[in-house]
Structure formats: structure tokens, C-alpha cells
Amino acid sequence: MKKRLIASISFLYVLFLHAQNIQEMTYTENDKTMDAFGFSNPICNKEVLVNNWKTFIKKQNGKIKGGIVNKVKGTNIKFSSSGEEWNGNFAYSYNEDNTMTIFTSFQNIQGDFLTAESSKEELKPAVIALEKFRLNILKSCYSDDLNNAKTYSLSLNKQKIRNLDNIKFLEGAIRKDSQRIEVSNSEDLSDKEITKLSKIKNNIEINKSDIQNLTERNKSLDEEIQAQQLVISDFQSKIKALDELNNNTSDSINDIEGNNFSKDMNINEEVDNINEDNKNVHDEYQKKLFDK
């Protein structure tokens, strides 16, 4: 994947919301500083990010602006039925540790940014929505990896079947050649026939060697297939865990005070561990694909 920086962090300070991975930060785009909320995730492809951003806008009853050429933005975004309307901007940048930082910035009609100083009535539903946005991106990213893992596993099984078919073909050829040798052994042979018989015997040895190689290859394929099944199961478990976290996000936030942020880096260990485990599985799987 080609890495392209579309936004740069001008200043970043980690202020974790209660039971959240959402951070307040700023980023610079087109020489303009944007107050934002964001998070870090394992690297994912642009299509996944944009599609989830569009879904996020729709879920907040907003309108999608822009497209393939123009950057996708949101208008008329409302985090609650009685809340303000916001225009939403979306950006991302790549980090050296194989993660990416995703930025979301919201401005109301007066041009004021949604920040940690905004009212609790605006901040709480926004944070919940952004946490779900984060988890949905993770799920989509790992769903892609799961599909790739299944496709790769299918290709391994097809290769194994082809090898088995080749083994059967070679075994049949050996049987036929062996029968020809048996018949020839009961006859007086000319020099030409002896030479031909020698070639048949040589072909038998070559076919036996090919069968041995294919058999060994299938043993290796069996190991790869078994390992791939573990990868698939792991991705499925991670996606299931993300679904549970997503469903419980609202319940996990009992009270978010608009101006009360925690600097404790150990909060919400369950979400952090899922995020880190997913990154490790994703990185290991991508490495295996590139090593092939």
C-alpha cells in the first residue's frame, strides 16, 4: 500500500475520555489548523475509511458532500435530535509504527469547533458515535483481512487438489509403463527395443520422484492450510469481540462531563487490548502475504 500523508499533526496531546480511545487533537490541512477528535488504528485501505466515514455521516442524519475527486465531507450532522448541526471533515495520516491516525473535525454554523470545552449535551453523543466509528473501521479492516485469508486458504486447497490429481495421473502412467516392462521381459528384444525399454524405466523413476515431490508439497500445504484456519478463526474472534464492544459502547459510558478528561493511560484496558491484538494479527498476516 502506498503511504501518502494527507494531514499533519501540528499539536497532539493525549486526553482520554472516560472509557474511550478517542483523543482530542489538532491537525493542519491546507495551512488551516483544525480542532479535531481522532484515534489511531492499524493501517487500513482508503476505501474502507471513506465508506465508513460516509456511513458515519448518514447515521448522524447528515448529508454527504464530495466524491472521488473531491474530499468527502459531511453537512447537517446532528449527534442528538435536539443538538446543533455540524459540518464534518475527515483526514488521516500514516505513522512509522504501521498505524494510522484518523482525524474528524466538526464545525457549527458559527464556525466554532466541537472540542473538549463543548457542552456535555453535544460532546457525549459525539464521543459515543466516534467510538463506534473507530470500532466499525477496525471491523471493516479485519473483515477485509478475513476475506483475504479465506481466499488464500481456498487457493491452498485448490493447489492441494491439483497435486492429488497429478499424483493419480503419474501413478497411472507408472502402472502402464510397468506393464510394458513386464511384457518386454518375456520377449527377445532388439537393441532399439532395449533402448526404448531403458527410457521407459527412466520415465518411471522420474514419475516416482515427481510423486514424492508432490506428496511432500501437499504435506507442507496441509500445514499451511491448518495455520490459515487458525488465522481465520482468530480474525473471526476479533470481529466478534469488536461487535460486542460496539454494541456495549453506549452502556460503557455512564457519565461524560464536557470538561472532565482523564490522563490515565491505563483506562479501558479491554478496548486497548482488542485494538493491540487486532493490530498484531493484522501485521503478522500481512507479513505472511508479502513473504509468499
Protein backbone atom coordinates (compact mmCIF):
# COMPACT_ATOMS: atom_id res chain seq x y z
CA MET A 1 0.00 0.00 0.00
CA LYS A 2 1.44 3.40 -0.95
CA LYS A 3 1.61 5.66 2.05
CA ARG A 4 0.57 9.25 1.44
CA LEU A 5 0.33 11.88 4.15
CA ILE A 6 -2.81 13.97 3.64
CA ALA A 7 -2.77 15.69 7.02
CA SER A 8 -0.10 16.56 9.50
CA ILE A 9 -0.42 16.84 13.26
CA SER A 10 0.55 20.32 14.38
CA PHE A 11 0.00 19.53 18.06
CA LEU A 12 -1.12 16.39 19.81
CA TYR A 13 -1.95 15.88 23.43
CA VAL A 14 -3.49 12.66 24.74
CA LEU A 15 -6.57 13.35 26.81
CA PHE A 16 -8.58 10.17 27.02
CA LEU A 17 -12.29 10.46 27.51
CA HIS A 18 -13.86 8.25 30.12
CA ALA A 19 -13.76 4.67 28.82
CA GLN A 20 -12.77 5.82 25.34
CA ASN A 21 -9.88 5.70 22.89
CA ILE A 22 -10.94 8.97 21.30
CA GLN A 23 -8.31 11.71 21.64
CA GLU A 24 -8.61 15.44 21.31
CA MET A 25 -6.02 16.77 18.85
CA THR A 26 -5.38 19.27 16.10
CA TYR A 27 -4.18 18.74 12.55
CA THR A 28 -3.19 21.03 9.71
CA GLU A 29 -4.81 20.88 6.29
CA ASN A 30 -4.31 23.43 3.53
CA ASP A 31 -2.45 25.66 6.02
CA LYS A 32 -5.50 25.71 8.27
CA THR A 33 -5.40 24.35 11.83
CA MET A 34 -8.39 22.15 12.62
CA ASP A 35 -9.51 21.25 16.13
CA ALA A 36 -10.40 17.59 15.98
CA PHE A 37 -11.09 14.33 17.70
CA GLY A 38 -9.26 11.28 16.47
CA PHE A 39 -7.76 7.90 17.15
CA SER A 40 -5.07 5.50 15.97
CA ASN A 41 -5.83 2.23 14.20
CA PRO A 42 -3.81 -0.35 12.26
CA ILE A 43 -3.29 0.72 8.65
CA CYS A 44 -6.36 0.11 6.50
CA ASN A 45 -7.10 0.87 2.86
CA LYS A 46 -8.63 4.17 1.82
CA GLU A 47 -11.87 2.66 0.52
CA VAL A 48 -12.65 1.18 3.95
CA LEU A 49 -12.03 4.54 5.62
CA VAL A 50 -14.11 6.56 3.17
CA ASN A 51 -17.01 4.08 3.18
CA ASN A 52 -17.13 4.07 6.98
CA TRP A 53 -16.95 7.87 7.04
CA LYS A 54 -19.94 8.03 4.69
CA THR A 55 -21.83 5.60 6.91
CA PHE A 56 -20.93 7.68 9.96
CA ILE A 57 -22.36 10.81 8.31
CA LYS A 58 -25.60 9.02 7.38
CA LYS A 59 -26.04 7.62 10.90
CA GLN A 60 -25.84 11.15 12.28
CA ASN A 61 -28.57 12.21 9.82
CA GLY A 62 -26.05 14.23 7.85
CA LYS A 63 -25.57 14.78 4.14
CA ILE A 64 -22.56 13.57 2.15
CA LYS A 65 -20.68 16.11 0.07
CA GLY A 66 -17.81 15.47 -2.32
CA GLY A 67 -16.81 12.25 -4.01
CA ILE A 68 -13.97 10.51 -5.78
CA VAL A 69 -12.25 13.71 -6.90
CA ASN A 70 -13.25 15.99 -4.04
CA LYS A 71 -12.69 15.02 -0.44
CA VAL A 72 -15.80 13.53 1.21
CA LYS A 73 -17.32 15.87 3.80
CA GLY A 74 -20.48 15.84 5.86
CA THR A 75 -23.05 18.58 6.41
CA ASN A 76 -26.06 18.88 8.70
CA ILE A 77 -24.59 16.32 11.09
CA LYS A 78 -26.53 16.05 14.36
CA PHE A 79 -25.32 13.91 17.25
CA SER A 80 -28.66 14.25 19.05
CA SER A 81 -32.15 15.19 17.95
CA SER A 82 -32.03 18.45 19.90
CA GLY A 83 -28.37 19.19 19.23
CA GLU A 84 -26.60 21.55 16.87
CA GLU A 85 -25.86 20.88 13.23
CA TRP A 86 -22.23 20.35 12.32
CA ASN A 87 -20.12 20.22 9.18
CA GLY A 88 -17.71 17.30 9.37
CA ASN A 89 -14.23 16.90 7.89
CA PHE A 90 -12.19 13.73 7.74
CA ALA A 91 -8.45 13.17 7.28
CA TYR A 92 -5.78 10.63 8.09
CA SER A 93 -2.01 10.27 8.28
CA TYR A 94 0.37 7.31 8.44
CA ASN A 95 2.66 6.62 11.39
CA GLU A 96 6.02 4.87 11.49
CA ASP A 97 4.71 2.05 13.74
CA ASN A 98 2.43 0.71 10.98
CA THR A 99 -0.61 2.53 12.35
CA MET A 100 -2.58 5.45 11.05
CA THR A 101 -4.13 8.41 12.83
CA ILE A 102 -7.67 9.26 11.79
CA PHE A 103 -8.92 12.81 12.33
CA THR A 104 -12.53 14.02 12.48
CA SER A 105 -13.29 17.72 12.79
CA PHE A 106 -16.69 19.33 13.30
CA GLN A 107 -17.74 22.98 12.97
CA ASN A 108 -21.14 24.52 13.62
CA ILE A 109 -22.79 27.28 11.62
CA GLN A 110 -20.87 29.90 13.61
CA GLY A 111 -17.59 28.25 12.65
CA ASP A 112 -16.89 27.00 16.17
CA PHE A 113 -15.21 23.61 16.50
CA LEU A 114 -16.51 20.75 18.60
CA THR A 115 -13.89 20.43 21.36
CA ALA A 116 -13.39 19.25 24.92
CA GLU A 117 -14.86 22.57 26.01
CA SER A 118 -18.16 21.98 24.21
CA SER A 119 -21.29 21.23 26.20
CA LYS A 120 -21.81 17.77 27.62
CA GLU A 121 -25.03 17.52 25.61
CA GLU A 122 -23.05 17.83 22.38
CA LEU A 123 -19.88 16.07 23.48
CA LYS A 124 -21.27 12.86 24.96
CA PRO A 125 -23.23 11.61 21.90
CA ALA A 126 -20.42 12.74 19.61
CA VAL A 127 -17.84 10.72 21.53
CA ILE A 128 -20.09 7.65 21.54
CA ALA A 129 -20.61 8.00 17.77
CA LEU A 130 -16.87 8.41 17.17
CA GLU A 131 -16.03 5.36 19.26
CA LYS A 132 -18.48 3.33 17.19
CA PHE A 133 -16.89 4.83 14.07
CA ARG A 134 -13.48 3.67 15.30
CA LEU A 135 -14.72 0.15 16.01
CA ASN A 136 -16.53 -0.06 12.67
CA ILE A 137 -13.34 0.84 10.82
CA LEU A 138 -11.49 -1.86 12.73
CA LYS A 139 -14.20 -4.38 11.92
CA SER A 140 -14.23 -3.47 8.22
CA CYS A 141 -10.45 -3.61 8.03
CA TYR A 142 -10.26 -7.03 9.65
CA SER A 143 -13.24 -8.26 7.65
CA ASP A 144 -11.16 -7.50 4.55
CA ASP A 145 -8.27 -9.44 6.06
CA LEU A 146 -10.64 -12.29 6.90
CA ASN A 147 -11.87 -12.43 3.31
CA ASN A 148 -8.29 -12.38 2.06
CA ALA A 149 -7.40 -15.17 4.46
CA LYS A 150 -10.33 -17.27 3.24
CA THR A 151 -9.38 -16.63 -0.39
CA TYR A 152 -5.79 -17.61 0.31
CA SER A 153 -6.92 -20.75 2.15
CA LEU A 154 -9.12 -21.67 -0.81
CA SER A 155 -6.16 -21.25 -3.18
CA LEU A 156 -4.08 -23.58 -0.99
CA ASN A 157 -6.82 -26.22 -1.06
CA LYS A 158 -7.13 -25.92 -4.84
CA GLN A 159 -3.39 -26.36 -5.18
CA LYS A 160 -3.53 -29.46 -2.99
CA ILE A 161 -6.34 -30.92 -5.13
CA ARG A 162 -4.36 -30.24 -8.32
CA ASN A 163 -1.37 -32.01 -6.79
CA LEU A 164 -3.52 -35.02 -5.88
CA ASP A 165 -4.85 -35.16 -9.44
CA ASN A 166 -1.28 -35.05 -10.78
CA ILE A 167 -0.25 -37.82 -8.39
CA LYS A 168 -3.08 -40.03 -9.63
CA PHE A 169 -2.11 -39.32 -13.24
CA LEU A 170 1.54 -40.17 -12.57
CA GLU A 171 0.60 -43.34 -10.69
CA GLY A 172 -1.48 -44.42 -13.69
CA ALA A 173 1.45 -43.73 -16.02
CA ILE A 174 3.75 -45.81 -13.81
CA ARG A 175 1.33 -48.74 -13.87
CA LYS A 176 1.12 -48.66 -17.66
CA ASP A 177 4.89 -48.41 -18.05
CA SER A 178 5.40 -51.23 -15.56
CA GLN A 179 3.06 -53.46 -17.56
CA ARG A 180 5.01 -52.69 -20.75
CA ILE A 181 8.23 -53.69 -19.00
CA GLU A 182 6.73 -56.97 -17.82
CA VAL A 183 5.63 -57.83 -21.35
CA SER A 184 9.03 -56.87 -22.77
CA ASN A 185 10.89 -59.04 -20.26
CA SER A 186 9.29 -62.15 -21.76
CA GLU A 187 10.48 -61.37 -25.26
CA ASP A 188 13.75 -61.25 -27.14
CA LEU A 189 14.48 -57.57 -27.67
CA SER A 190 16.42 -55.77 -30.32
CA ASP A 191 18.93 -53.08 -29.41
CA LYS A 192 16.39 -50.45 -30.37
CA GLU A 193 13.75 -52.02 -28.15
CA ILE A 194 16.23 -52.28 -25.27
CA THR A 195 16.97 -48.56 -25.61
CA LYS A 196 13.25 -47.82 -25.63
CA LEU A 197 12.75 -50.01 -22.56
CA SER A 198 15.52 -48.14 -20.77
CA LYS A 199 13.73 -44.86 -21.46
CA ILE A 200 10.51 -46.29 -20.04
CA LYS A 201 12.31 -47.33 -16.85
CA ASN A 202 13.84 -43.87 -16.62
CA ASN A 203 10.39 -42.30 -17.01
CA ILE A 204 9.12 -44.46 -14.16
CA GLU A 205 11.87 -43.17 -11.88
CA ILE A 206 11.17 -39.58 -12.92
CA ASN A 207 7.45 -40.04 -12.23
CA LYS A 208 8.19 -41.61 -8.84
CA SER A 209 10.36 -38.62 -7.98
CA ASP A 210 7.62 -36.23 -9.07
CA ILE A 211 5.09 -38.11 -6.94
CA GLN A 212 7.41 -37.84 -3.96
CA ASN A 213 7.84 -34.11 -4.50
CA LEU A 214 4.09 -33.57 -4.87
CA THR A 215 3.43 -35.64 -1.75
CA GLU A 216 5.92 -33.57 0.24
CA ARG A 217 4.41 -30.37 -1.15
CA ASN A 218 0.96 -31.50 -0.04
CA LYS A 219 2.29 -32.13 3.46
CA SER A 220 3.53 -28.55 3.51
CA LEU A 221 0.19 -27.37 2.13
CA ASP A 222 -1.63 -29.24 4.90
CA GLU A 223 0.45 -27.35 7.45
CA GLU A 224 -0.24 -24.04 5.70
CA ILE A 225 -3.95 -24.79 5.47
CA GLN A 226 -4.07 -25.67 9.16
CA ALA A 227 -2.21 -22.47 10.06
CA GLN A 228 -4.51 -20.47 7.82
CA GLN A 229 -7.55 -21.89 9.59
CA LEU A 230 -6.11 -20.57 12.85
CA VAL A 231 -5.68 -17.16 11.22
CA ILE A 232 -9.29 -17.26 10.01
CA SER A 233 -10.57 -18.29 13.45
CA ASP A 234 -8.53 -15.53 15.05
CA PHE A 235 -9.95 -12.89 12.72
CA GLN A 236 -13.47 -14.20 13.37
CA SER A 237 -12.90 -14.00 17.13
CA LYS A 238 -11.56 -10.46 16.85
CA ILE A 239 -14.51 -9.35 14.74
CA LYS A 240 -16.94 -10.92 17.22
CA ALA A 241 -15.19 -9.11 20.09
CA LEU A 242 -15.40 -5.83 18.17
CA ASP A 243 -19.13 -6.38 17.61
CA GLU A 244 -19.63 -6.89 21.34
CA LEU A 245 -17.63 -3.76 22.14
CA ASN A 246 -19.60 -1.79 19.58
CA ASN A 247 -22.91 -2.97 21.00
CA ASN A 248 -21.81 -2.13 24.53
CA THR A 249 -20.26 1.26 23.77
CA SER A 250 -23.25 3.29 24.91
CA ASP A 251 -23.64 1.20 28.06
CA SER A 252 -19.96 1.60 28.94
CA ILE A 253 -20.24 5.40 29.15
CA ASN A 254 -22.25 6.35 32.22
CA ASP A 255 -21.25 9.97 32.55
CA ILE A 256 -19.01 12.08 30.33
CA GLU A 257 -18.54 15.57 31.74
CA GLY A 258 -17.78 18.01 28.96
CA ASN A 259 -14.69 19.45 30.64
CA ASN A 260 -13.61 16.46 32.71
CA PHE A 261 -10.96 14.41 30.89
CA SER A 262 -8.65 11.74 32.27
CA LYS A 263 -4.92 11.47 31.60
CA ASP A 264 -4.81 7.89 32.84
CA MET A 265 -3.24 5.81 30.06
CA ASN A 266 -4.49 2.52 31.54
CA ILE A 267 -8.23 3.09 31.26
CA ASN A 268 -10.45 0.91 29.13
CA GLU A 269 -7.94 -1.95 29.00
CA GLU A 270 -10.38 -4.26 27.24
CA VAL A 271 -10.72 -1.96 24.24
CA ASP A 272 -6.99 -1.23 24.18
CA ASN A 273 -6.12 -4.93 24.27
CA ILE A 274 -8.55 -5.76 21.46
CA ASN A 275 -7.05 -2.93 19.41
CA GLU A 276 -3.46 -4.06 20.02
CA ASP A 277 -4.26 -7.76 19.43
CA ASN A 278 -6.00 -6.88 16.17
CA LYS A 279 -3.01 -4.81 15.04
CA ASN A 280 -0.63 -7.69 15.80
CA VAL A 281 -2.77 -10.25 13.93
CA HIS A 282 -3.16 -7.85 11.00
CA ASP A 283 0.58 -7.15 10.85
CA GLU A 284 1.51 -10.85 11.05
CA TYR A 285 -0.99 -11.80 8.35
CA GLN A 286 0.12 -9.02 6.00
CA LYS A 287 3.76 -10.10 6.50
CA LYS A 288 2.85 -13.69 5.56
CA LEU A 289 1.15 -12.48 2.38
CA PHE A 290 4.12 -10.34 1.34
CA ASP A 291 6.53 -13.21 2.11
CA LYS A 292 4.73 -15.53 -0.32
